[in-house]
Amino acid sequence: MEIIPLPDLLIGERARVVSLNATGAQRRRMLDLGLVPQAVIEALRKSPAGDPVAYRIRGAVIALRREEASLVMVTRI
């Protein structure tokens, strides 16, 4: 089971959240968005410039910039 940062996930791949490397308000925001341990996340599409990327988490679609997404560690499923 390889742990990778979220931006390494390819479009169409699914993964399970392992941990967050964020603190304070940024961590609270990510938890509020559903990025909790064991949550399943799917990379849906990239913007034309490649950043941000749209992800499906618990039925909601959110966009995360590479800087934010790199704080989320996942395992592919």
PDB file of N, CA and C in Angstrom:
ATOM      1  N   MET A   1       0.837  -1.161   0.000  1.00  0.00           N
ATOM      2  CA  MET A   1       0.000   0.000   0.000  1.00  0.00           C
ATOM      3  C   MET A   1       0.898   1.246   0.000  1.00  0.00           C
ATOM      4  N   GLU A   2       1.000   1.890  -1.142  1.00  0.00           N
ATOM      5  CA  GLU A   2       1.866   3.049  -1.308  1.00  0.00           C
ATOM      6  C   GLU A   2       1.120   4.330  -0.943  1.00  0.00           C
ATOM      7  N   ILE A   3       1.718   5.132  -0.086  1.00  0.00           N
ATOM      8  CA  ILE A   3       1.130   6.412   0.308  1.00  0.00           C
ATOM      9  C   ILE A   3       1.728   7.498  -0.578  1.00  0.00           C
ATOM     10  N   ILE A   4       0.837   8.255  -1.237  1.00  0.00           N
ATOM     11  CA  ILE A   4       1.268   9.298  -2.175  1.00  0.00           C
ATOM     12  C   ILE A   4       0.535  10.601  -1.867  1.00  0.00           C
ATOM     13  N   PRO A   5       1.073  11.735  -2.306  1.00  0.00           N
ATOM     14  CA  PRO A   5       0.319  12.988  -2.172  1.00  0.00           C
ATOM     15  C   PRO A   5      -0.813  13.021  -3.201  1.00  0.00           C
ATOM     16  N   LEU A   6      -1.895  13.659  -2.861  1.00  0.00           N
ATOM     17  CA  LEU A   6      -3.082  13.708  -3.717  1.00  0.00           C
ATOM     18  C   LEU A   6      -2.805  14.171  -5.152  1.00  0.00           C
ATOM     19  N   PRO A   7      -1.935  15.166  -5.398  1.00  0.00           N
ATOM     20  CA  PRO A   7      -1.705  15.594  -6.789  1.00  0.00           C
ATOM     21  C   PRO A   7      -1.109  14.506  -7.694  1.00  0.00           C
ATOM     22  N   ASP A   8      -0.551  13.441  -7.110  1.00  0.00           N
ATOM     23  CA  ASP A   8       0.001  12.345  -7.915  1.00  0.00           C
ATOM     24  C   ASP A   8      -1.087  11.424  -8.467  1.00  0.00           C
ATOM     25  N   LEU A   9      -2.314  11.593  -8.009  1.00  0.00           N
ATOM     26  CA  LEU A   9      -3.438  10.792  -8.485  1.00  0.00           C
ATOM     27  C   LEU A   9      -3.780  11.212  -9.913  1.00  0.00           C
ATOM     28  N   LEU A  10      -3.930  10.247 -10.801  1.00  0.00           N
ATOM     29  CA  LEU A  10      -4.266  10.540 -12.188  1.00  0.00           C
ATOM     30  C   LEU A  10      -5.774  10.752 -12.325  1.00  0.00           C
ATOM     31  N   ILE A  11      -6.171  11.492 -13.349  1.00  0.00           N
ATOM     32  CA  ILE A  11      -7.593  11.728 -13.594  1.00  0.00           C
ATOM     33  C   ILE A  11      -8.288  10.382 -13.796  1.00  0.00           C
ATOM     34  N   GLY A  12      -9.388  10.191 -13.090  1.00  0.00           N
ATOM     35  CA  GLY A  12     -10.139   8.942 -13.171  1.00  0.00           C
ATOM     36  C   GLY A  12      -9.776   7.945 -12.078  1.00  0.00           C
ATOM     37  N   GLU A  13      -8.669   8.158 -11.388  1.00  0.00           N
ATOM     38  CA  GLU A  13      -8.275   7.247 -10.314  1.00  0.00           C
ATOM     39  C   GLU A  13      -8.987   7.600  -9.017  1.00  0.00           C
ATOM     40  N   ARG A  14      -9.139   6.576  -8.183  1.00  0.00           N
ATOM     41  CA  ARG A  14      -9.741   6.754  -6.860  1.00  0.00           C
ATOM     42  C   ARG A  14      -8.710   6.411  -5.804  1.00  0.00           C
ATOM     43  N   ALA A  15      -8.857   7.032  -4.646  1.00  0.00           N
ATOM     44  CA  ALA A  15      -7.928   6.796  -3.546  1.00  0.00           C
ATOM     45  C   ALA A  15      -8.652   6.964  -2.223  1.00  0.00           C
ATOM     46  N   ARG A  16      -7.999   6.514  -1.169  1.00  0.00           N
ATOM     47  CA  ARG A  16      -8.524   6.655   0.188  1.00  0.00           C
ATOM     48  C   ARG A  16      -7.602   7.589   0.956  1.00  0.00           C
ATOM     49  N   VAL A  17      -8.182   8.560   1.650  1.00  0.00           N
ATOM     50  CA  VAL A  17      -7.395   9.520   2.420  1.00  0.00           C
ATOM     51  C   VAL A  17      -6.739   8.806   3.598  1.00  0.00           C
ATOM     52  N   VAL A  18      -5.431   9.041   3.756  1.00  0.00           N
ATOM     53  CA  VAL A  18      -4.683   8.447   4.863  1.00  0.00           C
ATOM     54  C   VAL A  18      -4.437   9.490   5.953  1.00  0.00           C
ATOM     55  N   SER A  19      -3.982  10.677   5.558  1.00  0.00           N
ATOM     56  CA  SER A  19      -3.691  11.716   6.543  1.00  0.00           C
ATOM     57  C   SER A  19      -3.666  13.089   5.899  1.00  0.00           C
ATOM     58  N   LEU A  20      -3.709  14.110   6.763  1.00  0.00           N
ATOM     59  CA  LEU A  20      -3.589  15.504   6.333  1.00  0.00           C
ATOM     60  C   LEU A  20      -2.348  16.090   6.990  1.00  0.00           C
ATOM     61  N   ASN A  21      -1.545  16.802   6.223  1.00  0.00           N
ATOM     62  CA  ASN A  21      -0.354  17.442   6.759  1.00  0.00           C
ATOM     63  C   ASN A  21      -0.579  18.940   6.933  1.00  0.00           C
ATOM     64  N   ALA A  22      -1.817  19.326   7.187  1.00  0.00           N
ATOM     65  CA  ALA A  22      -2.173  20.734   7.367  1.00  0.00           C
ATOM     66  C   ALA A  22      -2.437  21.004   8.840  1.00  0.00           C
ATOM     67  N   THR A  23      -2.359  22.284   9.213  1.00  0.00           N
ATOM     68  CA  THR A  23      -2.623  22.669  10.593  1.00  0.00           C
ATOM     69  C   THR A  23      -3.554  23.870  10.620  1.00  0.00           C
ATOM     70  N   GLY A  24      -4.116  24.132  11.789  1.00  0.00           N
ATOM     71  CA  GLY A  24      -4.928  25.323  12.004  1.00  0.00           C
ATOM     72  C   GLY A  24      -6.154  25.409  11.120  1.00  0.00           C
ATOM     73  N   ALA A  25      -6.396  26.621  10.608  1.00  0.00           N
ATOM     74  CA  ALA A  25      -7.583  26.889   9.798  1.00  0.00           C
ATOM     75  C   ALA A  25      -7.587  26.077   8.512  1.00  0.00           C
ATOM     76  N   GLN A  26      -6.422  25.862   7.942  1.00  0.00           N
ATOM     77  CA  GLN A  26      -6.345  25.094   6.701  1.00  0.00           C
ATOM     78  C   GLN A  26      -6.785  23.646   6.946  1.00  0.00           C
ATOM     79  N   ARG A  27      -6.381  23.060   8.061  1.00  0.00           N
ATOM     80  CA  ARG A  27      -6.785  21.698   8.401  1.00  0.00           C
ATOM     81  C   ARG A  27      -8.292  21.630   8.624  1.00  0.00           C
ATOM     82  N   ARG A  28      -8.835  22.602   9.352  1.00  0.00           N
ATOM     83  CA  ARG A  28     -10.286  22.629   9.593  1.00  0.00           C
ATOM     84  C   ARG A  28     -11.058  22.724   8.288  1.00  0.00           C
ATOM     85  N   ARG A  29     -10.589  23.553   7.371  1.00  0.00           N
ATOM     86  CA  ARG A  29     -11.261  23.706   6.074  1.00  0.00           C
ATOM     87  C   ARG A  29     -11.273  22.381   5.324  1.00  0.00           C
ATOM     88  N   MET A  30     -10.135  21.692   5.304  1.00  0.00           N
ATOM     89  CA  MET A  30     -10.058  20.405   4.589  1.00  0.00           C
ATOM     90  C   MET A  30     -10.968  19.365   5.236  1.00  0.00           C
ATOM     91  N   LEU A  31     -11.001  19.336   6.560  1.00  0.00           N
ATOM     92  CA  LEU A  31     -11.892  18.400   7.246  1.00  0.00           C
ATOM     93  C   LEU A  31     -13.345  18.728   6.934  1.00  0.00           C
ATOM     94  N   ASP A  32     -13.686  20.025   6.890  1.00  0.00           N
ATOM     95  CA  ASP A  32     -15.056  20.443   6.552  1.00  0.00           C
ATOM     96  C   ASP A  32     -15.432  20.044   5.130  1.00  0.00           C
ATOM     97  N   LEU A  33     -14.454  19.990   4.232  1.00  0.00           N
ATOM     98  CA  LEU A  33     -14.703  19.590   2.849  1.00  0.00           C
ATOM     99  C   LEU A  33     -14.875  18.077   2.708  1.00  0.00           C
ATOM    100  N   GLY A  34     -14.640  17.331   3.785  1.00  0.00           N
ATOM    101  CA  GLY A  34     -14.806  15.881   3.748  1.00  0.00           C
ATOM    102  C   GLY A  34     -13.510  15.108   3.627  1.00  0.00           C
ATOM    103  N   LEU A  35     -12.384  15.788   3.690  1.00  0.00           N
ATOM    104  CA  LEU A  35     -11.088  15.119   3.586  1.00  0.00           C
ATOM    105  C   LEU A  35     -10.695  14.538   4.940  1.00  0.00           C
ATOM    106  N   VAL A  36     -11.449  13.556   5.369  1.00  0.00           N
ATOM    107  CA  VAL A  36     -11.203  12.892   6.643  1.00  0.00           C
ATOM    108  C   VAL A  36     -10.567  11.538   6.357  1.00  0.00           C
ATOM    109  N   PRO A  37      -9.799  10.987   7.312  1.00  0.00           N
ATOM    110  CA  PRO A  37      -9.197   9.667   7.096  1.00  0.00           C
ATOM    111  C   PRO A  37     -10.236   8.630   6.670  1.00  0.00           C
ATOM    112  N   GLN A  38      -9.867   7.818   5.709  1.00  0.00           N
ATOM    113  CA  GLN A  38     -10.668   6.731   5.135  1.00  0.00           C
ATOM    114  C   GLN A  38     -11.694   7.199   4.108  1.00  0.00           C
ATOM    115  N   ALA A  39     -11.836   8.503   3.878  1.00  0.00           N
ATOM    116  CA  ALA A  39     -12.765   8.991   2.856  1.00  0.00           C
ATOM    117  C   ALA A  39     -12.230   8.634   1.471  1.00  0.00           C
ATOM    118  N   VAL A  40     -13.130   8.277   0.568  1.00  0.00           N
ATOM    119  CA  VAL A  40     -12.745   7.952  -0.807  1.00  0.00           C
ATOM    120  C   VAL A  40     -12.799   9.233  -1.638  1.00  0.00           C
ATOM    121  N   ILE A  41     -11.773   9.441  -2.442  1.00  0.00           N
ATOM    122  CA  ILE A  41     -11.669  10.637  -3.273  1.00  0.00           C
ATOM    123  C   ILE A  41     -11.347  10.205  -4.702  1.00  0.00           C
ATOM    124  N   GLU A  42     -11.936  10.889  -5.667  1.00  0.00           N
ATOM    125  CA  GLU A  42     -11.711  10.565  -7.082  1.00  0.00           C
ATOM    126  C   GLU A  42     -11.298  11.836  -7.822  1.00  0.00           C
ATOM    127  N   ALA A  43     -10.223  11.733  -8.595  1.00  0.00           N
ATOM    128  CA  ALA A  43      -9.786  12.861  -9.420  1.00  0.00           C
ATOM    129  C   ALA A  43     -10.665  12.904 -10.662  1.00  0.00           C
ATOM    130  N   LEU A  44     -11.368  14.011 -10.869  1.00  0.00           N
ATOM    131  CA  LEU A  44     -12.319  14.109 -11.976  1.00  0.00           C
ATOM    132  C   LEU A  44     -11.746  14.790 -13.206  1.00  0.00           C
ATOM    133  N   ARG A  45     -11.233  16.016 -13.040  1.00  0.00           N
ATOM    134  CA  ARG A  45     -10.717  16.745 -14.209  1.00  0.00           C
ATOM    135  C   ARG A  45      -9.802  17.864 -13.769  1.00  0.00           C
ATOM    136  N   LYS A  46      -8.929  18.257 -14.712  1.00  0.00           N
ATOM    137  CA  LYS A  46      -8.024  19.379 -14.481  1.00  0.00           C
ATOM    138  C   LYS A  46      -8.545  20.590 -15.226  1.00  0.00           C
ATOM    139  N   SER A  47      -8.229  21.757 -14.712  1.00  0.00           N
ATOM    140  CA  SER A  47      -8.564  22.979 -15.442  1.00  0.00           C
ATOM    141  C   SER A  47      -7.647  23.059 -16.661  1.00  0.00           C
ATOM    142  N   PRO A  48      -7.958  23.884 -17.636  1.00  0.00           N
ATOM    143  CA  PRO A  48      -7.107  23.983 -18.828  1.00  0.00           C
ATOM    144  C   PRO A  48      -5.639  24.298 -18.508  1.00  0.00           C
ATOM    145  N   ALA A  49      -5.405  25.061 -17.457  1.00  0.00           N
ATOM    146  CA  ALA A  49      -4.032  25.388 -17.067  1.00  0.00           C
ATOM    147  C   ALA A  49      -3.400  24.283 -16.217  1.00  0.00           C
ATOM    148  N   GLY A  50      -4.195  23.286 -15.800  1.00  0.00           N
ATOM    149  CA  GLY A  50      -3.674  22.173 -15.016  1.00  0.00           C
ATOM    150  C   GLY A  50      -3.815  22.365 -13.511  1.00  0.00           C
ATOM    151  N   ASP A  51      -4.224  23.542 -13.067  1.00  0.00           N
ATOM    152  CA  ASP A  51      -4.362  23.803 -11.646  1.00  0.00           C
ATOM    153  C   ASP A  51      -5.485  24.809 -11.471  1.00  0.00           C
ATOM    154  N   PRO A  52      -6.539  24.550 -10.758  1.00  0.00           N
ATOM    155  CA  PRO A  52      -6.773  23.459  -9.821  1.00  0.00           C
ATOM    156  C   PRO A  52      -7.304  22.189 -10.501  1.00  0.00           C
ATOM    157  N   VAL A  53      -7.477  21.164  -9.686  1.00  0.00           N
ATOM    158  CA  VAL A  53      -8.039  19.890 -10.126  1.00  0.00           C
ATOM    159  C   VAL A  53      -9.341  19.681  -9.369  1.00  0.00           C
ATOM    160  N   ALA A  54     -10.356  19.161 -10.060  1.00  0.00           N
ATOM    161  CA  ALA A  54     -11.647  18.857  -9.432  1.00  0.00           C
ATOM    162  C   ALA A  54     -11.621  17.428  -8.902  1.00  0.00           C
ATOM    163  N   TYR A  55     -12.073  17.270  -7.663  1.00  0.00           N
ATOM    164  CA  TYR A  55     -12.124  15.964  -7.006  1.00  0.00           C
ATOM    165  C   TYR A  55     -13.543  15.721  -6.503  1.00  0.00           C
ATOM    166  N   ARG A  56     -13.974  14.455  -6.525  1.00  0.00           N
ATOM    167  CA  ARG A  56     -15.257  14.083  -5.927  1.00  0.00           C
ATOM    168  C   ARG A  56     -14.961  13.459  -4.567  1.00  0.00           C
ATOM    169  N   ILE A  57     -15.574  14.045  -3.541  1.00  0.00           N
ATOM    170  CA  ILE A  57     -15.412  13.552  -2.179  1.00  0.00           C
ATOM    171  C   ILE A  57     -16.792  13.461  -1.559  1.00  0.00           C
ATOM    172  N   ARG A  58     -17.194  12.264  -1.168  1.00  0.00           N
ATOM    173  CA  ARG A  58     -18.489  12.051  -0.508  1.00  0.00           C
ATOM    174  C   ARG A  58     -19.647  12.664  -1.277  1.00  0.00           C
ATOM    175  N   GLY A  59     -19.621  12.551  -2.597  1.00  0.00           N
ATOM    176  CA  GLY A  59     -20.700  13.027  -3.435  1.00  0.00           C
ATOM    177  C   GLY A  59     -20.610  14.484  -3.841  1.00  0.00           C
ATOM    178  N   ALA A  60     -19.700  15.229  -3.258  1.00  0.00           N
ATOM    179  CA  ALA A  60     -19.522  16.644  -3.605  1.00  0.00           C
ATOM    180  C   ALA A  60     -18.288  16.795  -4.492  1.00  0.00           C
ATOM    181  N   VAL A  61     -18.312  17.772  -5.381  1.00  0.00           N
ATOM    182  CA  VAL A  61     -17.171  18.056  -6.237  1.00  0.00           C
ATOM    183  C   VAL A  61     -16.505  19.330  -5.720  1.00  0.00           C
ATOM    184  N   ILE A  62     -15.210  19.229  -5.434  1.00  0.00           N
ATOM    185  CA  ILE A  62     -14.459  20.381  -4.957  1.00  0.00           C
ATOM    186  C   ILE A  62     -13.214  20.554  -5.819  1.00  0.00           C
ATOM    187  N   ALA A  63     -12.714  21.765  -5.881  1.00  0.00           N
ATOM    188  CA  ALA A  63     -11.480  22.043  -6.626  1.00  0.00           C
ATOM    189  C   ALA A  63     -10.391  22.400  -5.629  1.00  0.00           C
ATOM    190  N   LEU A  64      -9.246  21.773  -5.774  1.00  0.00           N
ATOM    191  CA  LEU A  64      -8.095  22.054  -4.915  1.00  0.00           C
ATOM    192  C   LEU A  64      -6.899  22.423  -5.773  1.00  0.00           C
ATOM    193  N   ARG A  65      -6.201  23.444  -5.367  1.00  0.00           N
ATOM    194  CA  ARG A  65      -4.948  23.799  -6.027  1.00  0.00           C
ATOM    195  C   ARG A  65      -3.877  22.813  -5.592  1.00  0.00           C
ATOM    196  N   ARG A  66      -2.850  22.678  -6.408  1.00  0.00           N
ATOM    197  CA  ARG A  66      -1.767  21.732  -6.144  1.00  0.00           C
ATOM    198  C   ARG A  66      -1.174  21.945  -4.754  1.00  0.00           C
ATOM    199  N   GLU A  67      -1.006  23.201  -4.371  1.00  0.00           N
ATOM    200  CA  GLU A  67      -0.424  23.533  -3.067  1.00  0.00           C
ATOM    201  C   GLU A  67      -1.253  22.939  -1.920  1.00  0.00           C
ATOM    202  N   GLU A  68      -2.579  23.043  -2.013  1.00  0.00           N
ATOM    203  CA  GLU A  68      -3.461  22.502  -0.983  1.00  0.00           C
ATOM    204  C   GLU A  68      -3.516  20.981  -1.059  1.00  0.00           C
ATOM    205  N   ALA A  69      -3.659  20.458  -2.271  1.00  0.00           N
ATOM    206  CA  ALA A  69      -3.795  19.016  -2.460  1.00  0.00           C
ATOM    207  C   ALA A  69      -2.556  18.256  -2.012  1.00  0.00           C
ATOM    208  N   SER A  70      -1.390  18.884  -2.084  1.00  0.00           N
ATOM    209  CA  SER A  70      -0.148  18.198  -1.694  1.00  0.00           C
ATOM    210  C   SER A  70      -0.093  17.929  -0.202  1.00  0.00           C
ATOM    211  N   LEU A  71      -0.977  18.539   0.569  1.00  0.00           N
ATOM    212  CA  LEU A  71      -1.035  18.299   2.012  1.00  0.00           C
ATOM    213  C   LEU A  71      -1.867  17.073   2.376  1.00  0.00           C
ATOM    214  N   VAL A  72      -2.539  16.501   1.370  1.00  0.00           N
ATOM    215  CA  VAL A  72      -3.396  15.325   1.577  1.00  0.00           C
ATOM    216  C   VAL A  72      -2.657  14.087   1.100  1.00  0.00           C
ATOM    217  N   MET A  73      -2.476  13.127   1.996  1.00  0.00           N
ATOM    218  CA  MET A  73      -1.803  11.874   1.656  1.00  0.00           C
ATOM    219  C   MET A  73      -2.857  10.788   1.462  1.00  0.00           C
ATOM    220  N   VAL A  74      -2.717  10.015   0.364  1.00  0.00           N
ATOM    221  CA  VAL A  74      -3.719   9.023  -0.005  1.00  0.00           C
ATOM    222  C   VAL A  74      -3.059   7.707  -0.423  1.00  0.00           C
ATOM    223  N   THR A  75      -3.879   6.661  -0.512  1.00  0.00           N
ATOM    224  CA  THR A  75      -3.459   5.387  -1.103  1.00  0.00           C
ATOM    225  C   THR A  75      -4.433   5.070  -2.219  1.00  0.00           C
ATOM    226  N   ARG A  76      -3.926   4.633  -3.358  1.00  0.00           N
ATOM    227  CA  ARG A  76      -4.790   4.288  -4.500  1.00  0.00           C
ATOM    228  C   ARG A  76      -5.653   3.070  -4.167  1.00  0.00           C
ATOM    229  N   ILE A  77      -6.867   3.065  -4.718  1.00  0.00           N
ATOM    230  CA  ILE A  77      -7.729   1.875  -4.551  1.00  0.00           C
ATOM    231  C   ILE A  77      -8.235   1.453  -5.926  1.00  0.00           C
TER     232      ILE A  77
END
